[in-house]
Protein backbone atom coordinates (compact mmCIF):
# COMPACT_ATOMS: atom_id res chain seq x y z
CA MET A 1 0.32 -33.42 -66.57
CA VAL A 2 2.05 -36.36 -64.93
CA PRO A 3 0.60 -39.61 -66.25
CA LEU A 4 -1.67 -41.21 -63.66
CA ALA A 5 0.16 -44.51 -63.96
CA MET A 6 3.41 -42.79 -63.06
CA VAL A 7 1.86 -41.04 -60.06
CA LYS A 8 0.61 -44.38 -58.78
CA LEU A 9 4.05 -45.82 -59.39
CA CYS A 10 5.64 -43.09 -57.28
CA GLN A 11 3.13 -43.41 -54.49
CA SER A 12 3.43 -47.15 -54.20
CA ASN A 13 7.19 -47.28 -53.86
CA GLY A 14 9.75 -45.16 -52.52
CA PHE A 15 12.48 -40.06 -53.47
CA PHE A 16 13.44 -36.57 -52.73
CA CYS A 17 16.96 -35.24 -53.01
CA ASN A 18 18.55 -31.83 -53.01
CA ARG A 19 18.20 -29.85 -56.20
CA ARG A 20 21.88 -30.18 -57.07
CA LEU A 21 21.81 -33.94 -56.89
CA ILE A 22 18.63 -34.15 -58.92
CA ALA A 23 20.18 -32.01 -61.61
CA GLY A 24 23.14 -34.31 -61.54
CA LEU A 25 21.04 -37.41 -61.87
CA LEU A 26 19.11 -35.94 -64.76
CA ILE A 27 22.13 -35.18 -66.84
CA GLY A 28 23.31 -38.60 -65.87
CA CYS A 29 20.04 -39.96 -67.12
CA LEU A 30 20.44 -38.02 -70.28
CA THR A 31 24.17 -38.17 -70.70
CA GLY A 32 26.00 -40.18 -68.10
CA SER A 33 27.81 -37.15 -66.66
CA SER A 34 25.31 -36.20 -64.01
CA ALA A 35 27.31 -37.38 -61.10
CA LEU A 36 29.49 -34.34 -61.23
CA LEU A 37 26.60 -32.34 -59.93
CA ALA A 38 26.20 -34.30 -56.79
CA GLN A 39 27.43 -32.52 -53.71
CA GLN A 40 29.00 -34.75 -51.11
CA PRO A 41 27.85 -33.92 -47.57
CA PRO A 42 29.38 -35.91 -44.72
CA ALA A 43 27.38 -39.08 -44.14
CA ALA A 44 25.57 -39.06 -40.82
CA ASN A 45 26.56 -42.01 -38.66
CA GLY A 46 29.03 -43.34 -41.20
CA GLN A 47 29.47 -46.71 -39.50
CA ALA A 48 25.79 -47.48 -39.60
CA SER A 49 25.67 -46.38 -43.22
CA ALA A 50 28.51 -48.70 -44.16
CA THR A 51 26.79 -51.57 -42.37
CA ALA A 52 23.54 -50.90 -44.19
CA ALA A 53 25.36 -51.14 -47.49
CA ALA A 54 26.05 -54.81 -46.81
CA GLN A 55 22.35 -55.63 -46.89
CA PRO A 56 20.83 -55.51 -50.41
CA PRO A 57 17.36 -53.90 -50.14
CA ILE A 58 15.93 -56.19 -52.81
CA PRO A 59 15.91 -60.00 -53.03
CA ALA A 60 18.34 -61.78 -55.31
CA LEU A 61 17.02 -62.44 -58.80
CA ALA A 62 16.43 -65.94 -60.10
CA PRO A 63 18.92 -66.95 -62.86
CA GLU A 64 16.37 -66.41 -65.65
CA GLU A 65 15.38 -63.01 -64.22
CA GLN A 66 19.03 -61.95 -63.98
CA ALA A 67 19.62 -63.04 -67.57
CA LYS A 68 16.65 -60.96 -68.74
CA LEU A 69 17.89 -57.92 -66.81
CA ASP A 70 21.44 -58.34 -68.14
CA GLN A 71 20.17 -58.46 -71.73
CA LEU A 72 18.08 -55.34 -71.19
CA LEU A 73 21.03 -53.44 -69.70
CA LEU A 74 23.24 -54.48 -72.62
CA SER A 75 20.62 -53.32 -75.13
CA TRP A 76 20.31 -50.04 -73.25
CA GLN A 77 24.08 -49.69 -73.25
CA THR A 78 24.29 -50.31 -77.01
CA GLN A 79 21.63 -47.67 -77.68
CA SER A 80 23.09 -45.04 -75.36
CA GLN A 81 26.85 -45.23 -75.82
CA GLY A 82 26.77 -43.91 -79.38
CA THR A 83 25.84 -40.49 -78.01
CA LYS A 84 28.25 -37.75 -79.09
CA THR A 85 25.99 -34.79 -78.38
CA LEU A 86 22.58 -34.60 -76.79
CA GLU A 87 20.05 -31.92 -75.94
CA CYS A 88 16.54 -32.13 -74.55
CA LYS A 89 13.86 -30.39 -72.55
CA PHE A 90 12.66 -31.66 -69.19
CA GLU A 91 9.75 -31.22 -66.82
CA ARG A 92 10.06 -31.96 -63.13
CA TRP A 93 7.21 -32.36 -60.67
CA HIS A 94 8.03 -32.39 -56.95
CA PHE A 95 5.50 -34.08 -54.66
CA ASP A 96 5.46 -33.43 -50.91
CA LEU A 97 2.42 -33.73 -48.62
CA LEU A 98 3.90 -31.09 -46.32
CA ALA A 99 3.71 -28.53 -49.14
CA ALA A 100 0.66 -29.58 -51.17
CA PRO A 101 -2.35 -31.93 -50.90
CA ALA A 102 -2.12 -35.57 -51.95
CA GLY A 103 -1.96 -35.96 -55.71
CA VAL A 104 -0.99 -32.31 -56.21
CA HIS A 105 2.59 -31.38 -57.01
CA ALA A 106 4.25 -28.85 -54.69
CA HIS A 107 6.17 -27.23 -57.51
CA LYS A 108 7.03 -27.77 -61.16
CA ALA A 109 10.21 -26.90 -63.02
CA THR A 110 10.96 -26.85 -66.73
CA GLY A 111 14.38 -26.54 -68.27
CA GLU A 112 17.05 -27.77 -70.62
CA ILE A 113 19.86 -30.31 -70.62
CA LYS A 114 22.79 -30.43 -73.04
CA TYR A 115 25.73 -32.79 -73.29
CA ALA A 116 28.82 -33.30 -75.40
CA ASN A 117 30.84 -36.49 -75.19
CA PRO A 118 32.85 -37.24 -73.17
CA ASP A 119 32.76 -34.72 -70.33
CA LYS A 120 30.74 -31.57 -71.04
CA GLY A 121 27.26 -30.91 -69.74
CA LEU A 122 24.72 -28.19 -69.03
CA PHE A 123 21.67 -28.31 -66.76
CA ARG A 124 19.43 -25.25 -66.41
CA VAL A 125 16.03 -24.65 -64.89
CA ASP A 126 14.20 -21.98 -66.89
CA SER A 127 10.94 -21.74 -64.96
CA LEU A 128 9.81 -22.71 -61.47
CA MET A 129 6.17 -22.57 -60.35
CA TYR A 130 5.03 -23.19 -56.76
CA TYR A 131 1.74 -24.39 -55.32
CA LYS A 132 -0.24 -21.38 -54.04
CA GLY A 133 -3.40 -23.05 -52.79
CA MET A 134 -6.73 -24.22 -54.16
CA LYS A 135 -9.32 -22.13 -56.01
CA ASP A 136 -12.63 -23.53 -57.24
CA GLY A 137 -11.29 -27.00 -56.56
CA LYS A 138 -8.21 -26.51 -58.73
CA PRO A 139 -4.58 -26.07 -57.59
CA GLN A 140 -3.08 -22.65 -58.27
CA TYR A 141 0.58 -22.07 -59.12
CA GLY A 142 2.88 -19.09 -59.39
CA PRO A 143 6.52 -18.02 -59.04
CA GLN A 144 8.25 -17.16 -55.78
CA ASN A 145 10.54 -14.19 -55.36
CA ASN A 146 14.23 -14.99 -55.80
CA LYS A 147 13.63 -18.67 -56.66
CA TYR A 148 15.30 -19.72 -59.89
CA GLY A 149 16.32 -23.37 -59.66
CA GLU A 150 19.56 -25.03 -60.69
CA TYR A 151 21.96 -23.85 -63.35
CA TRP A 152 25.33 -25.47 -63.88
CA VAL A 153 27.90 -26.19 -66.56
CA CYS A 154 30.65 -28.80 -66.76
CA ASN A 155 33.38 -27.84 -69.23
CA GLY A 156 35.43 -31.02 -68.79
CA VAL A 157 37.84 -29.69 -66.19
CA GLU A 158 35.50 -27.72 -63.92
CA LEU A 159 31.96 -27.97 -62.62
CA ILE A 160 30.52 -24.46 -62.44
CA GLU A 161 27.30 -23.86 -60.51
CA TYR A 162 25.47 -20.56 -60.91
CA ASP A 163 23.48 -19.91 -57.73
CA ARG A 164 21.11 -17.22 -58.94
CA GLU A 165 19.40 -16.93 -55.56
CA GLU A 166 22.58 -16.21 -53.61
CA LYS A 167 24.36 -14.44 -56.49
CA GLN A 168 27.25 -16.84 -56.14
CA CYS A 169 29.28 -18.84 -58.65
CA ASN A 170 30.72 -22.07 -57.25
CA VAL A 171 33.59 -23.61 -59.21
CA GLN A 172 34.76 -27.17 -58.51
CA SER A 173 37.96 -28.38 -60.19
CA LEU A 174 37.83 -31.98 -61.35
CA PRO A 175 40.82 -34.27 -60.72
CA ALA A 176 42.57 -35.62 -63.80
CA ASP A 177 41.15 -39.11 -63.30
CA MET A 178 37.59 -37.75 -63.52
CA GLN A 179 38.11 -35.87 -66.77
CA GLY A 180 37.39 -37.33 -70.18
CA GLN A 181 35.81 -40.78 -70.21
CA GLN A 182 36.42 -41.16 -66.51
CA ILE A 183 33.63 -38.69 -65.85
CA PHE A 184 31.29 -41.68 -65.96
CA ASN A 185 32.92 -43.12 -62.85
CA SER A 186 31.41 -40.35 -60.77
CA PRO A 187 28.09 -40.93 -58.95
CA LEU A 188 25.04 -41.84 -61.02
CA PRO A 189 26.64 -42.77 -64.37
CA PHE A 190 23.11 -43.36 -65.54
CA VAL A 191 20.91 -43.73 -68.53
CA PHE A 192 22.15 -41.97 -71.66
CA ASN A 193 25.68 -43.33 -71.69
CA LEU A 194 25.02 -46.47 -69.74
CA ASP A 195 27.78 -48.93 -68.86
CA ALA A 196 25.97 -52.09 -67.83
CA THR A 197 28.88 -53.48 -65.81
CA LYS A 198 29.48 -50.27 -63.87
CA ILE A 199 25.79 -49.80 -63.17
CA LYS A 200 25.63 -53.20 -61.51
CA GLN A 201 28.77 -52.41 -59.54
CA ARG A 202 27.28 -49.19 -58.18
CA TYR A 203 23.62 -50.17 -57.78
CA TRP A 204 21.43 -53.06 -56.81
CA VAL A 205 19.34 -53.26 -59.97
CA THR A 206 16.12 -55.06 -60.73
CA LEU A 207 13.48 -55.13 -63.48
CA LYS A 208 9.88 -54.39 -62.50
CA GLU A 209 6.59 -54.65 -64.35
CA SER A 210 6.02 -51.33 -66.10
CA PRO A 211 2.62 -49.61 -65.74
CA LYS A 212 2.86 -48.42 -69.35
CA PRO A 213 2.64 -50.84 -72.32
CA ASN A 214 5.75 -51.36 -74.46
CA THR A 215 8.10 -49.87 -71.88
CA PHE A 216 10.60 -51.21 -69.35
CA LEU A 217 10.85 -50.20 -65.70
CA ILE A 218 14.33 -50.34 -64.18
CA GLU A 219 14.68 -49.92 -60.42
CA ALA A 220 18.09 -49.10 -58.89
CA TRP A 221 19.11 -48.85 -55.24
CA PRO A 222 22.41 -47.02 -54.57
CA LYS A 223 25.40 -48.65 -52.90
CA LEU A 224 27.28 -45.39 -52.25
CA GLN A 225 26.88 -44.04 -48.73
CA GLU A 226 26.66 -40.44 -49.91
CA ASP A 227 24.04 -41.29 -52.50
CA ARG A 228 21.92 -43.20 -50.01
CA ALA A 229 21.94 -40.13 -47.76
CA GLN A 230 20.34 -38.18 -50.62
CA TYR A 231 17.84 -40.61 -52.14
CA LYS A 232 16.42 -44.02 -51.43
CA MET A 233 15.85 -45.43 -54.87
CA VAL A 234 15.63 -44.46 -58.55
CA GLN A 235 13.24 -45.71 -61.20
CA VAL A 236 13.75 -45.23 -64.94
CA VAL A 237 11.11 -45.96 -67.56
CA LEU A 238 12.56 -46.87 -70.96
CA SER A 239 10.74 -46.95 -74.28
CA ASN A 240 10.87 -50.10 -76.39
CA ASN A 241 13.77 -48.36 -78.20
CA PHE A 242 15.63 -48.04 -74.87
CA GLU A 243 15.18 -44.26 -74.74
CA PRO A 244 14.61 -42.88 -71.21
CA GLU A 245 11.14 -41.37 -70.88
CA VAL A 246 10.67 -40.96 -67.13
CA LEU A 247 12.98 -40.70 -64.13
CA ILE A 248 11.65 -40.91 -60.57
CA MET A 249 13.77 -40.34 -57.47
CA TYR A 250 12.54 -41.08 -53.95
CA ALA A 251 13.50 -39.41 -50.68
CA PRO A 252 16.00 -41.25 -48.48
CA ASN A 253 13.30 -41.54 -45.81
CA PHE A 254 10.44 -42.13 -48.24
CA HIS A 255 7.33 -43.66 -46.72
CA ALA A 256 4.06 -43.83 -48.66
CA LYS A 257 2.07 -42.45 -45.69
CA LEU A 258 4.50 -40.76 -43.32
CA ALA A 259 7.00 -39.14 -45.71
CA PRO A 260 5.78 -39.29 -49.32
CA GLN A 261 8.36 -37.15 -51.11
CA TRP A 262 9.62 -37.76 -54.62
CA ASP A 263 10.66 -36.01 -57.82
CA HIS A 264 9.26 -37.07 -61.19
CA TYR A 265 11.03 -36.11 -64.42
CA GLU A 266 9.92 -36.46 -68.01
CA PHE A 267 12.08 -35.77 -71.07
CA SER A 268 11.00 -34.37 -74.43
CA ASP A 269 12.53 -33.08 -77.68
CA VAL A 270 15.47 -35.42 -77.17
CA LYS A 271 18.04 -34.86 -79.93
CA ARG A 272 21.06 -37.11 -80.18
CA ASN A 273 23.98 -36.26 -82.42
CA ALA A 274 21.95 -33.48 -84.08
CA LEU A 275 23.92 -30.28 -84.61
CA GLY A 276 21.62 -28.21 -86.74
CA ALA A 277 22.88 -25.01 -85.12
CA GLY A 278 26.51 -25.91 -85.80
CA ILE A 279 29.05 -27.65 -83.61
CA SER A 280 30.85 -24.44 -82.55
CA GLN A 281 27.63 -22.90 -81.27
CA PHE A 282 26.75 -26.11 -79.45
CA PHE A 283 30.11 -26.27 -77.68
CA ASN A 284 29.81 -22.64 -76.63
CA ASN A 285 27.19 -23.84 -74.15
CA PHE A 286 29.98 -25.28 -72.01
CA ILE A 287 32.19 -22.20 -71.94
CA PRO A 288 31.70 -20.68 -68.48
CA LYS A 289 29.86 -17.41 -68.53
CA LYS A 290 31.34 -14.67 -66.37
CA PRO A 291 28.89 -13.89 -63.58
CA PRO A 292 27.78 -10.31 -62.88
CA SER A 293 30.28 -8.12 -61.05
CA ASP A 294 28.32 -8.22 -57.79
CA TRP A 295 28.42 -12.03 -57.58
CA LYS A 296 30.73 -13.94 -55.23
CA ILE A 297 32.98 -16.61 -56.78
CA THR A 298 34.18 -19.58 -54.71
CA ARG A 299 36.61 -22.31 -55.79
CA GLN A 300 37.30 -25.78 -54.45
CA ASN A 301 38.41 -29.23 -55.56
CA PHE A 302 35.79 -31.85 -56.33
CA THR A 303 35.94 -34.94 -54.11
CA ALA A 304 34.29 -38.13 -55.32
CA PRO A 305 32.44 -40.34 -52.81
CA GLN A 306 33.80 -43.70 -51.74
CA MET A 307 32.02 -47.03 -52.22
CA ALA A 308 30.78 -48.47 -48.96
CA GLU A 309 32.56 -51.65 -47.95
CA ARG A 310 30.49 -54.78 -47.56
CA THR A 311 30.49 -56.42 -44.16
CA ASP A 312 28.85 -59.42 -42.52
CA ALA A 313 27.86 -57.42 -39.44
CA PRO A 314 24.11 -57.25 -38.79
CA THR A 315 22.23 -54.11 -39.73
CA ARG A 316 21.79 -51.69 -36.85
CA GLN A 317 18.28 -50.88 -35.82
């Protein structure tokens, strides 16, 4: 179950995003390459969005607070950037009062994440259970027909998404400047291969009091227009060894009473640089699997989002 402290944390602040972006953020949280997953829909009212970017949503930190945050980010960076390979399991709880009662998750997914430095990743949902109603005071869950969740692979030159619901394989070709190490310049270069400088360039970041002893709570607000259209804010709970334990993403229109939507992730069985099964078998995870003959295959070029320009104009109401 989701720890009560984390549920309270979600409810008291502000996420929901599309499943593709969440998958992207997760592998970013676990590997730094998540951003490739993010789809880039046109920003609604682009001018207003650019204006909003000029107004940091959090107050400026005092010098001593900034120094503490900078030291934490550097420690996190030191811990994470030695990652050559990584694999882990994840659980994801989605909360939405329009789909389930307060305090009850609307659906839960479990799955697997794998990563190989610098630019290979896999994200796959293996089970997806939906809220079916209450029985004897307890929430009931079960699968839904033709609902499978996300499944994608990045092989370093392409991002391949397997849409099992639509029986469609979507292939996005990555430009040369986003291959190799440059993969971390894509959206959400987060958590498991953290670059402290780039994180601060792409997010307004602050350190909050963590509800769990011996952990750190990082809060990040996106500066990218496309990201802000997908989620409002991200929270990451780190262990005292700077290992990500929890990731929470809030809906772009999150409101504790009117629109309480967020996704809560927890990671387990995290294995860094452990290749017990052999390196060749591990790398086979990133070789695209040919979809069934009745699937449709689409191809396109990946387009990275642009950073919103700062402006002195007042925020539009």
